[in-house]
Protein backbone atom coordinates (compact mmCIF):
# COMPACT_ATOMS: atom_id res chain seq x y z
CA UNK A 1 -1.24 63.69 50.68
CA UNK A 2 -1.90 66.74 48.34
CA UNK A 3 -2.93 70.46 50.24
CA UNK A 4 -3.35 73.24 48.96
CA UNK A 5 -0.65 74.96 46.85
CA UNK A 6 1.10 77.88 48.34
CA UNK A 7 1.78 81.31 47.62
CA UNK A 8 5.47 82.95 47.50
CA UNK A 9 4.33 85.00 50.49
CA UNK A 10 3.36 81.80 52.52
CA UNK A 11 5.95 79.63 51.68
CA UNK A 12 8.53 82.62 53.12
CA UNK A 13 7.00 82.36 56.42
CA UNK A 14 7.70 78.19 56.08
CA UNK A 15 11.20 79.68 55.01
CA UNK A 16 11.38 81.82 58.57
CA UNK A 17 9.74 79.12 60.62
CA UNK A 18 12.16 76.39 59.18
CA UNK A 19 15.04 78.58 59.87
CA UNK A 20 13.88 79.16 63.40
CA UNK A 21 13.79 75.99 64.50
CA UNK A 22 16.68 74.65 62.61
CA UNK A 23 18.54 77.84 65.06
CA UNK A 24 16.89 75.84 67.90
CA UNK A 25 18.18 72.58 66.75
CA UNK A 26 21.58 73.57 66.81
CA UNK A 27 21.03 75.48 70.64
CA UNK A 28 20.04 71.97 71.79
CA UNK A 29 16.69 73.51 73.46
CA UNK A 30 14.43 77.01 72.90
CA UNK A 31 16.46 80.00 71.68
CA UNK A 32 14.13 81.90 74.69
CA UNK A 33 11.40 80.08 77.05
CA UNK A 34 8.90 78.09 76.03
CA UNK A 35 6.27 80.32 78.15
CA UNK A 36 6.99 83.26 75.94
CA UNK A 37 5.01 82.48 73.82
CA UNK A 38 3.73 86.07 72.12
CA UNK A 39 7.60 86.41 71.66
CA UNK A 40 8.88 83.14 70.16
CA UNK A 41 6.00 83.29 67.78
CA UNK A 42 7.63 87.27 66.78
CA UNK A 43 10.99 86.02 66.68
CA UNK A 44 10.07 83.29 64.63
CA UNK A 45 8.17 84.96 62.05
CA UNK A 46 10.42 88.22 62.27
CA UNK A 47 8.07 90.73 63.12
CA UNK A 48 7.29 92.89 65.90
CA UNK A 49 5.96 91.56 69.55
CA UNK A 50 3.09 94.29 68.88
CA UNK A 51 2.28 92.85 65.46
CA UNK A 52 1.70 89.38 67.46
CA UNK A 53 -0.14 91.37 70.35
CA UNK A 54 -1.77 92.80 67.82
CA UNK A 55 -3.31 90.10 66.00
CA UNK A 56 -3.59 88.25 69.83
CA UNK A 57 -6.17 90.68 70.81
CA UNK A 58 -8.21 90.75 67.81
CA UNK A 59 -11.90 89.95 68.26
CA UNK A 60 -11.64 87.33 64.82
CA UNK A 61 -8.56 85.27 65.21
CA UNK A 62 -7.86 83.30 61.91
CA UNK A 63 -8.35 80.20 63.30
CA UNK A 64 -7.18 76.75 60.97
CA UNK A 65 -10.25 75.11 59.37
CA UNK A 66 -10.98 71.88 60.68
CA UNK A 67 -14.05 71.70 57.67
CA UNK A 68 -12.08 69.35 55.70
CA UNK A 69 -13.45 67.04 52.77
CA UNK A 70 -12.54 64.26 50.35
CA UNK A 71 -12.90 65.04 46.81
CA UNK A 72 -13.23 62.50 44.63
CA UNK A 73 -11.76 62.87 41.28
CA UNK A 74 -13.54 61.90 38.40
CA UNK A 75 -13.14 58.57 36.67
CA UNK A 76 -11.77 59.82 33.00
CA UNK A 77 -10.22 58.18 29.68
CA UNK A 78 -7.22 58.55 28.28
CA UNK A 79 -6.09 58.30 24.70
CA UNK A 80 -2.85 60.45 25.28
CA UNK A 81 -0.07 58.45 27.40
CA UNK A 82 3.11 58.90 26.48
CA UNK A 83 4.17 56.55 23.94
CA UNK A 84 6.57 54.60 26.64
CA UNK A 85 3.10 53.46 28.75
CA UNK A 86 0.94 52.12 25.84
CA UNK A 87 3.79 49.73 25.01
CA UNK A 88 3.57 48.98 28.93
CA UNK A 89 0.27 48.50 29.18
CA UNK A 90 -0.21 46.62 25.70
CA UNK A 91 2.81 44.24 27.16
CA UNK A 92 0.54 43.50 30.42
CA UNK A 93 -2.40 43.15 28.13
CA UNK A 94 -1.10 40.39 25.98
CA UNK A 95 0.42 38.47 28.74
CA UNK A 96 -2.71 38.33 30.51
CA UNK A 97 -4.17 37.46 27.11
CA UNK A 98 -1.29 34.52 26.77
CA UNK A 99 -1.47 33.44 30.62
CA UNK A 100 -5.51 33.40 30.26
CA UNK A 101 -5.52 35.64 33.41
CA UNK A 102 -8.41 37.87 33.32
CA UNK A 103 -10.01 36.48 36.21
CA UNK A 104 -8.74 39.06 38.52
CA UNK A 105 -8.96 43.36 38.16
CA UNK A 106 -6.27 44.77 37.48
CA UNK A 107 -5.91 48.74 38.19
CA UNK A 108 -3.25 50.57 36.83
CA UNK A 109 -2.15 54.32 37.83
CA UNK A 110 -0.78 56.72 35.79
CA UNK A 111 0.52 60.34 36.91
CA UNK A 112 1.07 63.16 35.14
CA UNK A 113 2.62 64.86 37.71
CA UNK A 114 7.23 64.91 37.35
CA UNK A 115 9.22 63.82 35.31
CA UNK A 116 8.49 60.90 32.29
CA UNK A 117 11.33 58.44 32.30
CA UNK A 118 13.57 58.35 29.13
CA UNK A 119 12.98 55.79 27.05
CA UNK A 120 15.78 53.06 26.10
CA UNK A 121 15.47 52.96 22.66
CA UNK A 122 18.77 52.89 20.42
CA UNK A 123 20.47 55.58 18.55
CA UNK A 124 22.78 53.45 17.08
CA UNK A 125 25.84 54.63 19.03
CA UNK A 126 27.86 53.37 21.54
CA UNK A 127 30.09 55.11 24.13
CA UNK A 128 33.56 52.93 24.38
CA UNK A 129 34.53 53.59 28.27
CA UNK A 130 37.58 53.20 29.65
CA UNK A 131 38.08 51.70 33.31
CA UNK A 132 36.30 52.41 36.45
CA UNK A 133 38.37 55.17 38.08
CA UNK A 134 40.34 55.88 34.79
CA UNK A 135 40.30 59.79 34.07
CA UNK A 136 40.77 59.60 30.33
CA UNK A 137 38.75 60.02 27.02
CA UNK A 138 35.19 58.78 26.01
CA UNK A 139 35.03 58.08 22.32
CA UNK A 140 31.74 58.15 20.54
CA UNK A 141 31.26 55.60 17.89
CA UNK A 142 28.70 55.50 14.85
CA UNK A 143 28.35 52.34 12.36
CA UNK A 144 26.32 50.14 10.51
CA UNK A 145 25.43 46.67 9.45
CA UNK A 146 24.28 44.27 7.57
CA UNK A 147 22.76 40.53 7.64
CA UNK A 148 26.99 39.57 7.54
CA UNK A 149 28.79 42.05 9.11
CA UNK A 150 29.76 45.91 9.65
CA UNK A 151 29.87 47.73 6.65
CA UNK A 152 33.22 48.03 5.45
CA UNK A 153 34.74 51.59 5.96
CA UNK A 154 31.59 52.57 6.99
CA UNK A 155 33.06 52.40 10.92
CA UNK A 156 33.51 56.38 12.49
CA UNK A 157 35.11 56.30 16.53
CA UNK A 158 35.85 59.81 17.76
CA UNK A 159 36.65 61.55 21.38
CA UNK A 160 34.58 63.73 23.67
CA UNK A 161 35.90 65.40 26.81
CA UNK A 162 32.52 65.27 28.38
CA UNK A 163 31.66 64.35 31.69
CA UNK A 164 27.80 63.61 31.94
CA UNK A 165 27.02 60.20 32.15
CA UNK A 166 24.86 60.51 29.53
CA UNK A 167 26.79 60.50 26.06
CA UNK A 168 23.72 61.55 24.02
CA UNK A 169 24.94 64.90 23.89
CA UNK A 170 27.89 63.80 22.22
CA UNK A 171 26.08 63.88 19.27
CA UNK A 172 24.31 65.96 17.15
CA UNK A 173 22.96 65.99 13.41
CA UNK A 174 25.49 67.98 11.72
CA UNK A 175 27.58 65.03 12.54
CA UNK A 176 25.09 62.52 11.92
CA UNK A 177 24.67 63.90 8.46
CA UNK A 178 28.66 64.05 7.87
CA UNK A 179 28.74 60.55 8.87
CA UNK A 180 26.08 59.45 6.20
CA UNK A 181 27.32 61.23 3.46
CA UNK A 182 30.87 60.46 4.07
CA UNK A 183 31.11 57.13 5.33
CA UNK A 184 28.08 55.16 5.20
CA UNK A 185 26.63 56.02 1.79
CA UNK A 186 30.01 55.79 -0.18
CA UNK A 187 30.47 52.53 1.30
CA UNK A 188 26.87 50.39 0.10
CA UNK A 189 27.53 48.98 -2.92
CA UNK A 190 24.14 48.58 -3.98
CA UNK A 191 20.57 49.75 -3.15
CA UNK A 192 19.69 49.44 0.53
CA UNK A 193 17.41 49.42 3.37
CA UNK A 194 18.28 51.53 6.10
CA UNK A 195 16.56 50.79 9.30
CA UNK A 196 17.18 53.91 12.26
CA UNK A 197 15.02 54.60 15.01
CA UNK A 198 14.09 58.17 15.61
CA UNK A 199 16.13 60.02 17.50
CA UNK A 200 16.82 63.81 17.45
CA UNK A 201 19.65 63.52 14.86
CA UNK A 202 17.68 60.71 12.68
CA UNK A 203 14.58 63.22 12.46
CA UNK A 204 15.70 66.60 11.92
CA UNK A 205 12.82 67.91 9.07
CA UNK A 206 13.16 69.52 5.30
CA UNK A 207 10.58 71.62 6.90
CA UNK A 208 9.67 73.28 10.38
CA UNK A 209 5.66 73.34 10.42
CA UNK A 210 4.17 75.21 12.61
CA UNK A 211 3.57 74.63 16.73
CA UNK A 212 2.33 76.19 19.64
CA UNK A 213 5.75 77.14 20.27
CA UNK A 214 6.15 79.39 17.23
CA UNK A 215 4.80 83.48 17.69
CA UNK A 216 2.52 84.94 15.51
CA UNK A 217 5.00 86.71 13.34
CA UNK A 218 6.43 82.81 12.17
CA UNK A 219 3.21 81.39 11.87
CA UNK A 220 2.21 83.82 9.23
CA UNK A 221 5.28 83.86 7.19
CA UNK A 222 4.92 80.00 7.24
CA UNK A 223 1.46 80.69 5.95
CA UNK A 224 2.60 83.04 3.21
CA UNK A 225 5.30 80.60 2.17
CA UNK A 226 2.63 77.80 1.80
CA UNK A 227 0.08 80.05 -0.57
CA UNK A 228 -1.78 79.25 2.47
CA UNK A 229 -4.63 82.35 2.75
CA UNK A 230 -5.85 83.92 6.67
CA UNK A 231 -6.67 87.32 7.62
CA UNK A 232 -5.07 89.62 9.32
CA UNK A 233 -7.70 90.41 12.31
CA UNK A 234 -6.98 86.47 13.24
CA UNK A 235 -5.40 85.75 16.87
CA UNK A 236 -2.47 83.54 17.13
CA UNK A 237 -4.51 80.24 18.17
CA UNK A 238 -7.08 81.00 14.63
CA UNK A 239 -3.07 80.69 12.39
CA UNK A 240 -2.70 77.79 14.24
CA UNK A 241 -6.20 76.20 13.07
CA UNK A 242 -5.45 76.95 10.09
CA UNK A 243 -1.33 75.65 9.77
CA UNK A 244 -2.69 72.60 11.29
CA UNK A 245 -5.13 71.91 8.64
CA UNK A 246 -3.37 72.30 5.99
CA UNK A 247 0.01 70.27 7.51
CA UNK A 248 1.84 69.16 5.31
CA UNK A 249 3.79 65.37 5.14
CA UNK A 250 6.85 64.90 7.15
CA UNK A 251 10.39 64.95 4.98
CA UNK A 252 13.29 64.31 7.42
CA UNK A 253 16.44 65.68 5.57
CA UNK A 254 18.49 61.67 6.22
CA UNK A 255 15.25 60.44 4.78
CA UNK A 256 15.87 62.96 1.61
CA UNK A 257 19.82 62.42 1.54
CA UNK A 258 19.26 58.74 1.36
CA UNK A 259 16.99 57.90 -0.99
CA UNK A 260 18.88 60.36 -3.52
CA UNK A 261 21.45 58.15 -3.37
CA UNK A 262 18.75 55.43 -4.37
CA UNK A 263 18.59 53.79 -0.71
CA UNK A 264 15.34 53.98 1.26
CA UNK A 265 14.49 54.10 4.63
CA UNK A 266 12.32 52.42 7.34
CA UNK A 267 11.94 54.33 10.71
CA UNK A 268 11.50 51.42 14.04
CA UNK A 269 8.11 52.91 16.15
CA UNK A 270 9.28 54.25 19.06
CA UNK A 271 10.35 52.23 22.10
CA UNK A 272 10.81 48.83 20.21
CA UNK A 273 14.43 48.67 20.25
CA UNK A 274 14.14 44.82 19.95
CA UNK A 275 13.59 45.52 16.55
CA UNK A 276 16.74 46.68 15.98
CA UNK A 277 19.19 44.13 15.56
CA UNK A 278 22.38 46.56 16.10
CA UNK A 279 21.32 46.55 20.15
CA UNK A 280 22.51 42.91 20.08
CA UNK A 281 25.86 43.21 18.09
CA UNK A 282 26.73 46.60 20.15
CA UNK A 283 25.83 44.32 23.31
CA UNK A 284 28.38 41.77 22.20
CA UNK A 285 31.30 44.05 21.05
CA UNK A 286 30.88 46.17 24.19
CA UNK A 287 31.07 42.91 26.29
CA UNK A 288 34.30 41.59 24.56
CA UNK A 289 35.32 44.99 24.78
CA UNK A 290 34.65 45.16 28.39
CA UNK A 291 36.25 41.55 29.37
CA UNK A 292 39.82 42.43 27.69
CA UNK A 293 40.41 45.74 27.88
CA UNK A 294 43.16 46.76 30.00
CA UNK A 295 45.27 43.65 28.38
CA UNK A 296 47.88 46.04 26.73
CA UNK A 297 47.50 48.96 28.49
CA UNK A 298 44.91 51.95 28.48
CA UNK A 299 46.56 54.36 26.27
CA UNK A 300 44.24 55.95 23.32
CA UNK A 301 45.80 53.49 20.65
CA UNK A 302 45.34 50.64 22.84
CA UNK A 303 41.88 51.62 23.40
CA UNK A 304 41.13 52.26 19.52
CA UNK A 305 42.58 48.53 18.93
CA UNK A 306 40.46 46.83 21.42
CA UNK A 307 37.46 48.44 20.22
CA UNK A 308 38.58 47.47 17.20
CA UNK A 309 39.09 44.01 17.80
CA UNK A 310 35.63 44.16 19.37
CA UNK A 311 34.38 44.62 16.04
CA UNK A 312 35.88 41.75 14.46
CA UNK A 313 34.58 39.49 17.30
CA UNK A 314 31.14 40.51 15.69
CA UNK A 315 31.56 37.12 12.81
CA UNK A 316 29.34 36.62 10.14
CA UNK A 317 27.73 33.98 12.23
CA UNK A 318 27.11 36.31 15.03
CA UNK A 319 25.65 38.76 12.87
CA UNK A 320 23.51 35.73 11.09
CA UNK A 321 22.12 34.85 14.49
CA UNK A 322 21.63 38.22 15.20
CA UNK A 323 18.97 38.81 12.42
CA UNK A 324 17.27 35.64 12.83
CA UNK A 325 16.63 36.14 15.96
CA UNK A 326 14.97 40.29 15.48
CA UNK A 327 13.29 38.59 12.45
CA UNK A 328 11.71 36.16 14.49
CA UNK A 329 10.89 39.05 17.11
CA UNK A 330 9.20 40.90 14.40
CA UNK A 331 7.05 38.15 13.54
CA UNK A 332 6.06 37.47 17.21
CA UNK A 333 5.08 41.07 17.71
CA UNK A 334 3.24 41.33 14.74
CA UNK A 335 1.17 37.75 15.83
CA UNK A 336 0.58 39.76 19.29
CA UNK A 337 -1.41 43.01 17.22
CA UNK A 338 -3.54 40.42 16.16
CA UNK A 339 -4.23 39.44 19.20
CA UNK A 340 -4.31 42.60 20.69
CA UNK A 341 -6.99 43.51 18.27
CA UNK A 342 -9.31 41.34 19.28
CA UNK A 343 -9.49 41.99 22.50
CA UNK A 344 -12.26 44.58 23.94
CA UNK A 345 -11.77 47.93 25.41
CA UNK A 346 -10.13 48.45 28.36
CA UNK A 347 -10.85 51.91 30.06
CA UNK A 348 -7.82 52.90 32.47
CA UNK A 349 -8.04 55.19 34.98
CA UNK A 350 -5.29 57.54 35.17
CA UNK A 351 -5.73 59.45 37.94
CA UNK A 352 -3.98 58.96 41.29
CA UNK A 353 -5.37 56.47 43.79
CA UNK A 354 -5.23 60.10 47.12
CA UNK A 355 -7.85 62.98 46.31
CA UNK A 356 -7.48 66.05 46.32
CA UNK A 357 -7.74 68.04 50.01
CA UNK A 358 -10.85 71.12 49.73
CA UNK A 359 -10.73 73.27 52.55
CA UNK A 360 -13.67 75.82 53.26
């Protein structure tokens, strides 16, 4: 149950008590007699016995408050849940509608404390692993495909020595743009619609726009460069409001690069990896790889050769089936949105079940 937040001095006292009791634990009993109460307090807190005695004889000895009451939290509406939570809520609501289960009351809780869970969206690259326990390289893969096959000669695979569990740090916008310009675009034989998610390296803006993390001189520089009027006596918040009112359409380097070469970009909504057919293609390729890796050895050349076989295992028939399945999923979700549009507004309490404690 949440209580008061401790300041640094109180935390230091807790640390001293913890160390003292740990010492008693190691001693398998009290360090001094339990009858020597004042001395035990002095030793535990690291203060003099005289100080303890002085406090004890004081006419006003502070006592722990017993007048504690619960302060109920106010119910509140919200429209600023993280996108991942919004998707989950919409899924639950739709399933309730589909199952005609509106007869029971559903209470959803959302805690705004702590770390948010990571998204599961696809970044169109995967990590090719060697067998568990093998201390070797990790390979990062980039590729693209159509409704028939992977794009010929568009694949990129490179090794990394990173030992991090999350391989996303091994990819950045420079590597992605280099692959786009040197591998993908030259091998697209006709104008194409490129479908991608909103991974950070897909989403580098042509021109960054002011945010709260900008300092005042940066905001002023942006306003002047954009020929937007302001006065020099304005505070940072006022300058940010002006910038927000004059916000420009977001332009991405990746999109403009593809458009210059006759292609268009379709960005998937966040947290909707099921709309990205290449998810299933990667699963097919990695399942084949995991089932057969090691048959010819574990050298780098053997690993790369097995990955090539895994890509070849994704035949035109597999690609066509995946694309048809993805189109069906998109159509189903489109129909769901029409249904959700007609469901009455639902208010969700985002407060924790437990009340805060108020001490008087």
